[in-house]
Amino acid sequence: IVLDVMLPDVDGFEVCEQLRLARVWTPIIMVTARDAVADR
């Protein structure tokens, strides 16, 4: 899954977390223009 962080409803961080809680273990690449270490 190629997952953009900035989304119009649920952001990418929340999507990723919800998928893991739902036991979806598909590898995820997060993509964003924000390069802050804290975001990574």
All heavy atoms as atom14 arrays in JSON, in Angstrom:
{
  "sequence": "IVLDVMLPDVDGFEVCEQLRLARVWTPIIMVTARDAVADR",
  "atom14_mask": [
    [1, 1, 1, 1, 1, 1, 1, 1, 0, 0, 0, 0, 0, 0],
    [1, 1, 1, 1, 1, 1, 1, 0, 0, 0, 0, 0, 0, 0],
    [1, 1, 1, 1, 1, 1, 1, 1, 0, 0, 0, 0, 0, 0],
    [1, 1, 1, 1, 1, 1, 1, 1, 0, 0, 0, 0, 0, 0],
    [1, 1, 1, 1, 1, 1, 1, 0, 0, 0, 0, 0, 0, 0],
    [1, 1, 1, 1, 1, 1, 1, 1, 0, 0, 0, 0, 0, 0],
    [1, 1, 1, 1, 1, 1, 1, 1, 0, 0, 0, 0, 0, 0],
    [1, 1, 1, 1, 1, 1, 1, 0, 0, 0, 0, 0, 0, 0],
    [1, 1, 1, 1, 1, 1, 1, 1, 0, 0, 0, 0, 0, 0],
    [1, 1, 1, 1, 1, 1, 1, 0, 0, 0, 0, 0, 0, 0],
    [1, 1, 1, 1, 1, 1, 1, 1, 0, 0, 0, 0, 0, 0],
    [1, 1, 1, 1, 0, 0, 0, 0, 0, 0, 0, 0, 0, 0],
    [1, 1, 1, 1, 1, 1, 1, 1, 1, 1, 1, 0, 0, 0],
    [1, 1, 1, 1, 1, 1, 1, 1, 1, 0, 0, 0, 0, 0],
    [1, 1, 1, 1, 1, 1, 1, 0, 0, 0, 0, 0, 0, 0],
    [1, 1, 1, 1, 1, 1, 0, 0, 0, 0, 0, 0, 0, 0],
    [1, 1, 1, 1, 1, 1, 1, 1, 1, 0, 0, 0, 0, 0],
    [1, 1, 1, 1, 1, 1, 1, 1, 1, 0, 0, 0, 0, 0],
    [1, 1, 1, 1, 1, 1, 1, 1, 0, 0, 0, 0, 0, 0],
    [1, 1, 1, 1, 1, 1, 1, 1, 1, 1, 1, 0, 0, 0],
    [1, 1, 1, 1, 1, 1, 1, 1, 0, 0, 0, 0, 0, 0],
    [1, 1, 1, 1, 1, 0, 0, 0, 0, 0, 0, 0, 0, 0],
    [1, 1, 1, 1, 1, 1, 1, 1, 1, 1, 1, 0, 0, 0],
    [1, 1, 1, 1, 1, 1, 1, 0, 0, 0, 0, 0, 0, 0],
    [1, 1, 1, 1, 1, 1, 1, 1, 1, 1, 1, 1, 1, 1],
    [1, 1, 1, 1, 1, 1, 1, 0, 0, 0, 0, 0, 0, 0],
    [1, 1, 1, 1, 1, 1, 1, 0, 0, 0, 0, 0, 0, 0],
    [1, 1, 1, 1, 1, 1, 1, 1, 0, 0, 0, 0, 0, 0],
    [1, 1, 1, 1, 1, 1, 1, 1, 0, 0, 0, 0, 0, 0],
    [1, 1, 1, 1, 1, 1, 1, 1, 0, 0, 0, 0, 0, 0],
    [1, 1, 1, 1, 1, 1, 1, 0, 0, 0, 0, 0, 0, 0],
    [1, 1, 1, 1, 1, 1, 1, 0, 0, 0, 0, 0, 0, 0],
    [1, 1, 1, 1, 1, 0, 0, 0, 0, 0, 0, 0, 0, 0],
    [1, 1, 1, 1, 1, 1, 1, 1, 1, 1, 1, 0, 0, 0],
    [1, 1, 1, 1, 1, 1, 1, 1, 0, 0, 0, 0, 0, 0],
    [1, 1, 1, 1, 1, 0, 0, 0, 0, 0, 0, 0, 0, 0],
    [1, 1, 1, 1, 1, 1, 1, 0, 0, 0, 0, 0, 0, 0],
    [1, 1, 1, 1, 1, 0, 0, 0, 0, 0, 0, 0, 0, 0],
    [1, 1, 1, 1, 1, 1, 1, 1, 0, 0, 0, 0, 0, 0],
    [1, 1, 1, 1, 1, 1, 1, 1, 1, 1, 1, 0, 0, 0]
  ],
  "atom14_positions": [
    [[0.85, -1.19, 0.0], [0.0, 0.0, 0.0], [0.89, 1.24, 0.0], [1.79, 1.36, 0.85], [-0.92, 0.03, 1.23], [-1.87, -1.18, 1.23], [-1.73, 1.34, 1.27], [-2.66, -1.34, 2.51], [0.0, 0.0, 0.0], [0.0, 0.0, 0.0], [0.0, 0.0, 0.0], [0.0, 0.0, 0.0], [0.0, 0.0, 0.0], [0.0, 0.0, 0.0]],
    [[0.67, 2.12, -0.97], [1.38, 3.41, -1.02], [0.41, 4.44, -0.45], [-0.61, 4.75, -1.06], [1.8, 3.77, -2.45], [2.51, 5.13, -2.48], [2.72, 2.68, -3.03], [0.0, 0.0, 0.0], [0.0, 0.0, 0.0], [0.0, 0.0, 0.0], [0.0, 0.0, 0.0], [0.0, 0.0, 0.0], [0.0, 0.0, 0.0], [0.0, 0.0, 0.0]],
    [[0.74, 4.98, 0.7], [-0.23, 5.76, 1.49], [0.24, 7.2, 1.69], [1.24, 7.45, 2.37], [-0.42, 5.07, 2.85], [-1.31, 5.75, 3.88], [-2.73, 5.93, 3.36], [-1.32, 4.94, 5.18], [0.0, 0.0, 0.0], [0.0, 0.0, 0.0], [0.0, 0.0, 0.0], [0.0, 0.0, 0.0], [0.0, 0.0, 0.0], [0.0, 0.0, 0.0]],
    [[-0.5, 8.14, 1.09], [-0.2, 9.56, 1.29], [-0.62, 9.97, 2.7], [-1.64, 9.5, 3.21], [-0.95, 10.39, 0.25], [-0.5, 11.84, 0.24], [0.72, 12.08, 0.31], [-1.37, 12.73, 0.19], [0.0, 0.0, 0.0], [0.0, 0.0, 0.0], [0.0, 0.0, 0.0], [0.0, 0.0, 0.0], [0.0, 0.0, 0.0], [0.0, 0.0, 0.0]],
    [[0.15, 10.83, 3.33], [-0.17, 11.26, 4.69], [-1.31, 12.28, 4.7], [-2.24, 12.19, 5.49], [1.07, 11.84, 5.38], [0.7, 12.53, 6.7], [2.09, 10.73, 5.65], [0.0, 0.0, 0.0], [0.0, 0.0, 0.0], [0.0, 0.0, 0.0], [0.0, 0.0, 0.0], [0.0, 0.0, 0.0], [0.0, 0.0, 0.0], [0.0, 0.0, 0.0]],
    [[-1.23, 13.27, 3.81], [-2.21, 14.36, 3.8], [-3.43, 13.95, 2.99], [-3.41, 13.97, 1.76], [-1.58, 15.63, 3.24], [-0.36, 16.09, 4.02], [-0.74, 16.47, 5.75], [-1.74, 17.96, 5.53], [0.0, 0.0, 0.0], [0.0, 0.0, 0.0], [0.0, 0.0, 0.0], [0.0, 0.0, 0.0], [0.0, 0.0, 0.0], [0.0, 0.0, 0.0]],
    [[-4.51, 13.58, 3.68], [-5.74, 13.17, 3.03], [-6.89, 14.05, 3.5], [-6.81, 14.64, 4.58], [-6.04, 11.7, 3.34], [-5.02, 10.68, 2.82], [-5.28, 9.29, 3.38], [-5.03, 10.65, 1.29], [0.0, 0.0, 0.0], [0.0, 0.0, 0.0], [0.0, 0.0, 0.0], [0.0, 0.0, 0.0], [0.0, 0.0, 0.0], [0.0, 0.0, 0.0]],
    [[-7.99, 14.15, 2.74], [-9.04, 15.11, 3.08], [-9.89, 14.73, 4.29], [-10.55, 15.58, 4.87], [-9.91, 15.13, 1.8], [-9.67, 13.8, 1.17], [-8.22, 13.47, 1.46], [0.0, 0.0, 0.0], [0.0, 0.0, 0.0], [0.0, 0.0, 0.0], [0.0, 0.0, 0.0], [0.0, 0.0, 0.0], [0.0, 0.0, 0.0], [0.0, 0.0, 0.0]],
    [[-9.89, 13.46, 4.65], [-10.74, 13.06, 5.79], [-9.89, 12.48, 6.92], [-9.5, 13.18, 7.84], [-11.81, 12.06, 5.33], [-11.24, 10.93, 4.48], [-10.02, 10.92, 4.24], [-12.02, 10.06, 4.06], [0.0, 0.0, 0.0], [0.0, 0.0, 0.0], [0.0, 0.0, 0.0], [0.0, 0.0, 0.0], [0.0, 0.0, 0.0], [0.0, 0.0, 0.0]],
    [[-9.58, 11.22, 6.84], [-8.72, 10.57, 7.83], [-7.28, 10.63, 7.32], [-7.01, 10.22, 6.19], [-9.14, 9.1, 8.02], [-8.32, 8.45, 9.13], [-10.62, 9.0, 8.33], [0.0, 0.0, 0.0], [0.0, 0.0, 0.0], [0.0, 0.0, 0.0], [0.0, 0.0, 0.0], [0.0, 0.0, 0.0], [0.0, 0.0, 0.0], [0.0, 0.0, 0.0]],
    [[-6.35, 11.15, 8.11], [-4.98, 11.28, 7.59], [-4.3, 9.91, 7.52], [-4.77, 8.9, 8.05], [-4.16, 12.28, 8.4], [-3.8, 11.82, 9.8], [-3.76, 10.61, 10.06], [-3.55, 12.7, 10.65], [0.0, 0.0, 0.0], [0.0, 0.0, 0.0], [0.0, 0.0, 0.0], [0.0, 0.0, 0.0], [0.0, 0.0, 0.0], [0.0, 0.0, 0.0]],
    [[-3.16, 9.89, 6.82], [-2.46, 8.63, 6.59], [-2.01, 7.93, 7.85], [-2.0, 6.69, 7.91], [0.0, 0.0, 0.0], [0.0, 0.0, 0.0], [0.0, 0.0, 0.0], [0.0, 0.0, 0.0], [0.0, 0.0, 0.0], [0.0, 0.0, 0.0], [0.0, 0.0, 0.0], [0.0, 0.0, 0.0], [0.0, 0.0, 0.0], [0.0, 0.0, 0.0]],
    [[-1.63, 8.69, 8.87], [-1.22, 8.07, 10.13], [-2.38, 7.27, 10.73], [-2.21, 6.13, 11.18], [-0.78, 9.14, 11.13], [0.41, 9.94, 10.7], [0.33, 11.33, 10.6], [1.61, 9.33, 10.37], [1.43, 12.08, 10.2], [2.71, 10.06, 9.98], [2.62, 11.45, 9.88], [0.0, 0.0, 0.0], [0.0, 0.0, 0.0], [0.0, 0.0, 0.0]],
    [[-3.57, 7.87, 10.73], [-4.75, 7.21, 11.28], [-5.14, 5.99, 10.44], [-5.52, 4.94, 10.98], [-5.92, 8.19, 11.37], [-7.2, 7.6, 11.95], [-7.1, 7.28, 13.42], [-6.18, 7.79, 14.1], [-7.94, 6.5, 13.9], [0.0, 0.0, 0.0], [0.0, 0.0, 0.0], [0.0, 0.0, 0.0], [0.0, 0.0, 0.0], [0.0, 0.0, 0.0]],
    [[-5.06, 6.12, 9.12], [-5.37, 4.99, 8.24], [-4.44, 3.82, 8.54], [-4.88, 2.67, 8.69], [-5.25, 5.4, 6.76], [-5.35, 4.16, 5.85], [-6.34, 6.39, 6.39], [0.0, 0.0, 0.0], [0.0, 0.0, 0.0], [0.0, 0.0, 0.0], [0.0, 0.0, 0.0], [0.0, 0.0, 0.0], [0.0, 0.0, 0.0], [0.0, 0.0, 0.0]],
    [[-3.16, 4.1, 8.63], [-2.17, 3.06, 8.91], [-2.46, 2.39, 10.25], [-2.48, 1.15, 10.36], [-0.77, 3.66, 8.91], [0.54, 2.45, 9.16], [0.0, 0.0, 0.0], [0.0, 0.0, 0.0], [0.0, 0.0, 0.0], [0.0, 0.0, 0.0], [0.0, 0.0, 0.0], [0.0, 0.0, 0.0], [0.0, 0.0, 0.0], [0.0, 0.0, 0.0]],
    [[-2.72, 3.18, 11.27], [-2.98, 2.64, 12.59], [-4.25, 1.78, 12.59], [-4.28, 0.69, 13.18], [-3.1, 3.77, 13.61], [-3.21, 3.29, 15.05], [-3.11, 4.43, 16.03], [-3.37, 5.59, 15.66], [-2.76, 4.16, 17.19], [0.0, 0.0, 0.0], [0.0, 0.0, 0.0], [0.0, 0.0, 0.0], [0.0, 0.0, 0.0], [0.0, 0.0, 0.0]],
    [[-5.3, 2.26, 11.92], [-6.56, 1.51, 11.88], [-6.4, 0.2, 11.12], [-6.99, -0.82, 11.51], [-7.66, 2.37, 11.24], [-8.14, 3.53, 12.1], [-8.7, 3.06, 13.43], [-9.46, 2.09, 13.49], [-8.33, 3.75, 14.5], [0.0, 0.0, 0.0], [0.0, 0.0, 0.0], [0.0, 0.0, 0.0], [0.0, 0.0, 0.0], [0.0, 0.0, 0.0]],
    [[-5.62, 0.19, 10.07], [-5.4, -1.05, 9.33], [-4.66, -2.07, 10.19], [-4.99, -3.27, 10.18], [-4.6, -0.78, 8.05], [-5.37, -0.06, 6.94], [-4.45, 0.24, 5.76], [-6.56, -0.9, 6.47], [0.0, 0.0, 0.0], [0.0, 0.0, 0.0], [0.0, 0.0, 0.0], [0.0, 0.0, 0.0], [0.0, 0.0, 0.0], [0.0, 0.0, 0.0]],
    [[-3.67, -1.62, 10.93], [-2.94, -2.55, 11.8], [-3.84, -3.08, 12.92], [-3.78, -4.26, 13.27], [-1.69, -1.89, 12.37], [-0.63, -1.48, 11.35], [-0.34, -2.57, 10.34], [0.8, -2.27, 9.49], [0.91, -2.64, 8.23], [-0.08, -3.31, 7.66], [1.98, -2.36, 7.52], [0.0, 0.0, 0.0], [0.0, 0.0, 0.0], [0.0, 0.0, 0.0]],
    [[-4.69, -2.22, 13.45], [-5.63, -2.67, 14.49], [-6.62, -3.68, 13.91], [-7.1, -4.57, 14.63], [-6.38, -1.48, 15.09], [-5.56, -0.55, 15.99], [-6.36, 0.68, 16.37], [-5.09, -1.29, 17.25], [0.0, 0.0, 0.0], [0.0, 0.0, 0.0], [0.0, 0.0, 0.0], [0.0, 0.0, 0.0], [0.0, 0.0, 0.0], [0.0, 0.0, 0.0]],
    [[-6.92, -3.54, 12.62], [-7.83, -4.48, 11.95], [-7.08, -5.73, 11.46], [-7.66, -6.56, 10.76], [-8.51, -3.79, 10.77], [0.0, 0.0, 0.0], [0.0, 0.0, 0.0], [0.0, 0.0, 0.0], [0.0, 0.0, 0.0], [0.0, 0.0, 0.0], [0.0, 0.0, 0.0], [0.0, 0.0, 0.0], [0.0, 0.0, 0.0], [0.0, 0.0, 0.0]],
    [[-5.79, -5.83, 11.83], [-4.95, -6.98, 11.49], [-4.72, -7.12, 9.98], [-4.64, -8.21, 9.43], [-5.5, -8.28, 12.08], [-5.73, -8.21, 13.59], [-6.09, -9.53, 14.19], [-4.96, -10.46, 14.19], [-3.95, -10.41, 15.05], [-3.89, -9.47, 15.99], [-2.98, -11.29, 14.99], [0.0, 0.0, 0.0], [0.0, 0.0, 0.0], [0.0, 0.0, 0.0]],
    [[-4.62, -5.98, 9.32], [-4.19, -5.94, 7.91], [-2.69, -5.68, 7.92], [-2.24, -4.59, 8.29], [-4.93, -4.83, 7.13], [-4.38, -4.75, 5.7], [-6.42, -5.1, 7.12], [0.0, 0.0, 0.0], [0.0, 0.0, 0.0], [0.0, 0.0, 0.0], [0.0, 0.0, 0.0], [0.0, 0.0, 0.0], [0.0, 0.0, 0.0], [0.0, 0.0, 0.0]],
    [[-1.91, -6.67, 7.51], [-0.44, -6.58, 7.64], [0.25, -6.29, 6.31], [1.47, -6.43, 6.2], [0.11, -7.88, 8.24], [-0.58, -8.28, 9.5], [-1.3, -9.4, 9.73], [-0.63, -7.54, 10.73], [-1.79, -9.41, 11.0], [-1.41, -8.29, 11.64], [-0.12, -6.3, 11.14], [-1.67, -7.84, 12.94], [-0.38, -5.86, 12.43], [-1.14, -6.63, 13.31]],
    [[-0.51, -5.91, 5.29], [0.09, -5.54, 4.01], [1.16, -4.47, 4.23], [0.91, -3.48, 4.92], [-0.99, -4.98, 3.06], [-2.06, -5.91, 2.97], [-0.4, -4.72, 1.68], [0.0, 0.0, 0.0], [0.0, 0.0, 0.0], [0.0, 0.0, 0.0], [0.0, 0.0, 0.0], [0.0, 0.0, 0.0], [0.0, 0.0, 0.0], [0.0, 0.0, 0.0]],
    [[2.36, -4.63, 3.65], [3.39, -3.6, 3.81], [2.91, -2.23, 3.34], [2.22, -2.13, 2.32], [4.54, -4.11, 2.93], [4.34, -5.59, 2.88], [2.85, -5.8, 2.9], [0.0, 0.0, 0.0], [0.0, 0.0, 0.0], [0.0, 0.0, 0.0], [0.0, 0.0, 0.0], [0.0, 0.0, 0.0], [0.0, 0.0, 0.0], [0.0, 0.0, 0.0]],
    [[3.27, -1.2, 4.08], [2.83, 0.17, 3.78], [4.02, 1.1, 3.61], [4.91, 1.14, 4.46], [1.91, 0.71, 4.91], [0.6, -0.08, 4.96], [1.62, 2.2, 4.71], [-0.3, 0.3, 6.12], [0.0, 0.0, 0.0], [0.0, 0.0, 0.0], [0.0, 0.0, 0.0], [0.0, 0.0, 0.0], [0.0, 0.0, 0.0], [0.0, 0.0, 0.0]],
    [[4.01, 1.82, 2.48], [4.96, 2.92, 2.27], [4.19, 4.22, 2.47], [3.23, 4.49, 1.76], [5.57, 2.92, 0.86], [6.33, 1.63, 0.57], [6.52, 4.11, 0.68], [6.9, 1.55, -0.84], [0.0, 0.0, 0.0], [0.0, 0.0, 0.0], [0.0, 0.0, 0.0], [0.0, 0.0, 0.0], [0.0, 0.0, 0.0], [0.0, 0.0, 0.0]],
    [[4.6, 5.02, 3.44], [3.96, 6.32, 3.65], [4.67, 7.36, 2.8], [5.9, 7.4, 2.75], [3.99, 6.7, 5.13], [3.27, 5.72, 6.02], [2.75, 6.41, 7.61], [1.29, 7.31, 7.11], [0.0, 0.0, 0.0], [0.0, 0.0, 0.0], [0.0, 0.0, 0.0], [0.0, 0.0, 0.0], [0.0, 0.0, 0.0], [0.0, 0.0, 0.0]],
    [[3.88, 8.19, 2.12], [4.43, 9.2, 1.2], [3.93, 10.57, 1.64], [2.73, 10.76, 1.88], [3.99, 8.93, -0.26], [4.53, 10.0, -1.18], [4.44, 7.55, -0.7], [0.0, 0.0, 0.0], [0.0, 0.0, 0.0], [0.0, 0.0, 0.0], [0.0, 0.0, 0.0], [0.0, 0.0, 0.0], [0.0, 0.0, 0.0], [0.0, 0.0, 0.0]],
    [[4.84, 11.54, 1.73], [4.43, 12.88, 2.15], [5.46, 13.92, 1.72], [6.63, 13.59, 1.48], [4.26, 12.95, 3.68], [3.83, 14.25, 4.05], [5.55, 12.63, 4.39], [0.0, 0.0, 0.0], [0.0, 0.0, 0.0], [0.0, 0.0, 0.0], [0.0, 0.0, 0.0], [0.0, 0.0, 0.0], [0.0, 0.0, 0.0], [0.0, 0.0, 0.0]],
    [[5.01, 15.16, 1.6], [5.92, 16.27, 1.34], [6.57, 16.74, 2.63], [7.52, 17.52, 2.61], [5.17, 17.41, 0.68], [0.0, 0.0, 0.0], [0.0, 0.0, 0.0], [0.0, 0.0, 0.0], [0.0, 0.0, 0.0], [0.0, 0.0, 0.0], [0.0, 0.0, 0.0], [0.0, 0.0, 0.0], [0.0, 0.0, 0.0], [0.0, 0.0, 0.0]],
    [[6.03, 16.26, 3.77], [6.58, 16.66, 5.07], [7.75, 15.75, 5.4], [7.62, 14.54, 5.48], [5.49, 16.53, 6.15], [4.36, 17.52, 5.96], [3.05, 17.07, 6.58], [3.17, 16.61, 7.96], [2.11, 16.32, 8.72], [0.88, 16.45, 8.23], [2.27, 15.91, 9.95], [0.0, 0.0, 0.0], [0.0, 0.0, 0.0], [0.0, 0.0, 0.0]],
    [[8.93, 16.37, 5.55], [10.12, 15.55, 5.79], [10.66, 15.68, 7.21], [11.8, 15.33, 7.49], [11.23, 15.9, 4.79], [11.68, 17.35, 4.9], [11.05, 18.1, 5.68], [12.65, 17.72, 4.22], [0.0, 0.0, 0.0], [0.0, 0.0, 0.0], [0.0, 0.0, 0.0], [0.0, 0.0, 0.0], [0.0, 0.0, 0.0], [0.0, 0.0, 0.0]],
    [[9.83, 16.16, 8.13], [10.27, 16.29, 9.52], [10.53, 14.92, 10.11], [9.8, 13.96, 9.85], [9.22, 17.03, 10.34], [0.0, 0.0, 0.0], [0.0, 0.0, 0.0], [0.0, 0.0, 0.0], [0.0, 0.0, 0.0], [0.0, 0.0, 0.0], [0.0, 0.0, 0.0], [0.0, 0.0, 0.0], [0.0, 0.0, 0.0], [0.0, 0.0, 0.0]],
    [[11.58, 14.83, 10.9], [11.93, 13.55, 11.53], [10.78, 13.04, 12.39], [10.48, 11.85, 12.4], [13.21, 13.71, 12.38], [13.48, 12.45, 13.19], [14.4, 14.02, 11.48], [0.0, 0.0, 0.0], [0.0, 0.0, 0.0], [0.0, 0.0, 0.0], [0.0, 0.0, 0.0], [0.0, 0.0, 0.0], [0.0, 0.0, 0.0], [0.0, 0.0, 0.0]],
    [[10.1, 13.95, 13.09], [8.99, 13.54, 13.96], [7.89, 12.86, 13.16], [7.27, 11.89, 13.64], [8.43, 14.75, 14.7], [0.0, 0.0, 0.0], [0.0, 0.0, 0.0], [0.0, 0.0, 0.0], [0.0, 0.0, 0.0], [0.0, 0.0, 0.0], [0.0, 0.0, 0.0], [0.0, 0.0, 0.0], [0.0, 0.0, 0.0], [0.0, 0.0, 0.0]],
    [[7.62, 13.32, 11.94], [6.61, 12.69, 11.1], [7.03, 11.29, 10.67], [6.23, 10.36, 10.65], [6.34, 13.54, 9.85], [5.58, 14.82, 10.18], [4.82, 14.82, 11.17], [5.75, 15.81, 9.46], [0.0, 0.0, 0.0], [0.0, 0.0, 0.0], [0.0, 0.0, 0.0], [0.0, 0.0, 0.0], [0.0, 0.0, 0.0], [0.0, 0.0, 0.0]],
    [[8.3, 11.15, 10.32], [8.78, 9.82, 9.91], [8.7, 8.85, 11.09], [8.3, 7.7, 10.92], [10.22, 9.92, 9.39], [10.34, 10.74, 8.11], [11.63, 10.44, 7.38], [12.81, 10.84, 8.14], [13.36, 12.05, 8.1], [12.79, 13.0, 7.37], [14.44, 12.31, 8.8], [0.0, 0.0, 0.0], [0.0, 0.0, 0.0], [0.0, 0.0, 0.0]]
  ]
}
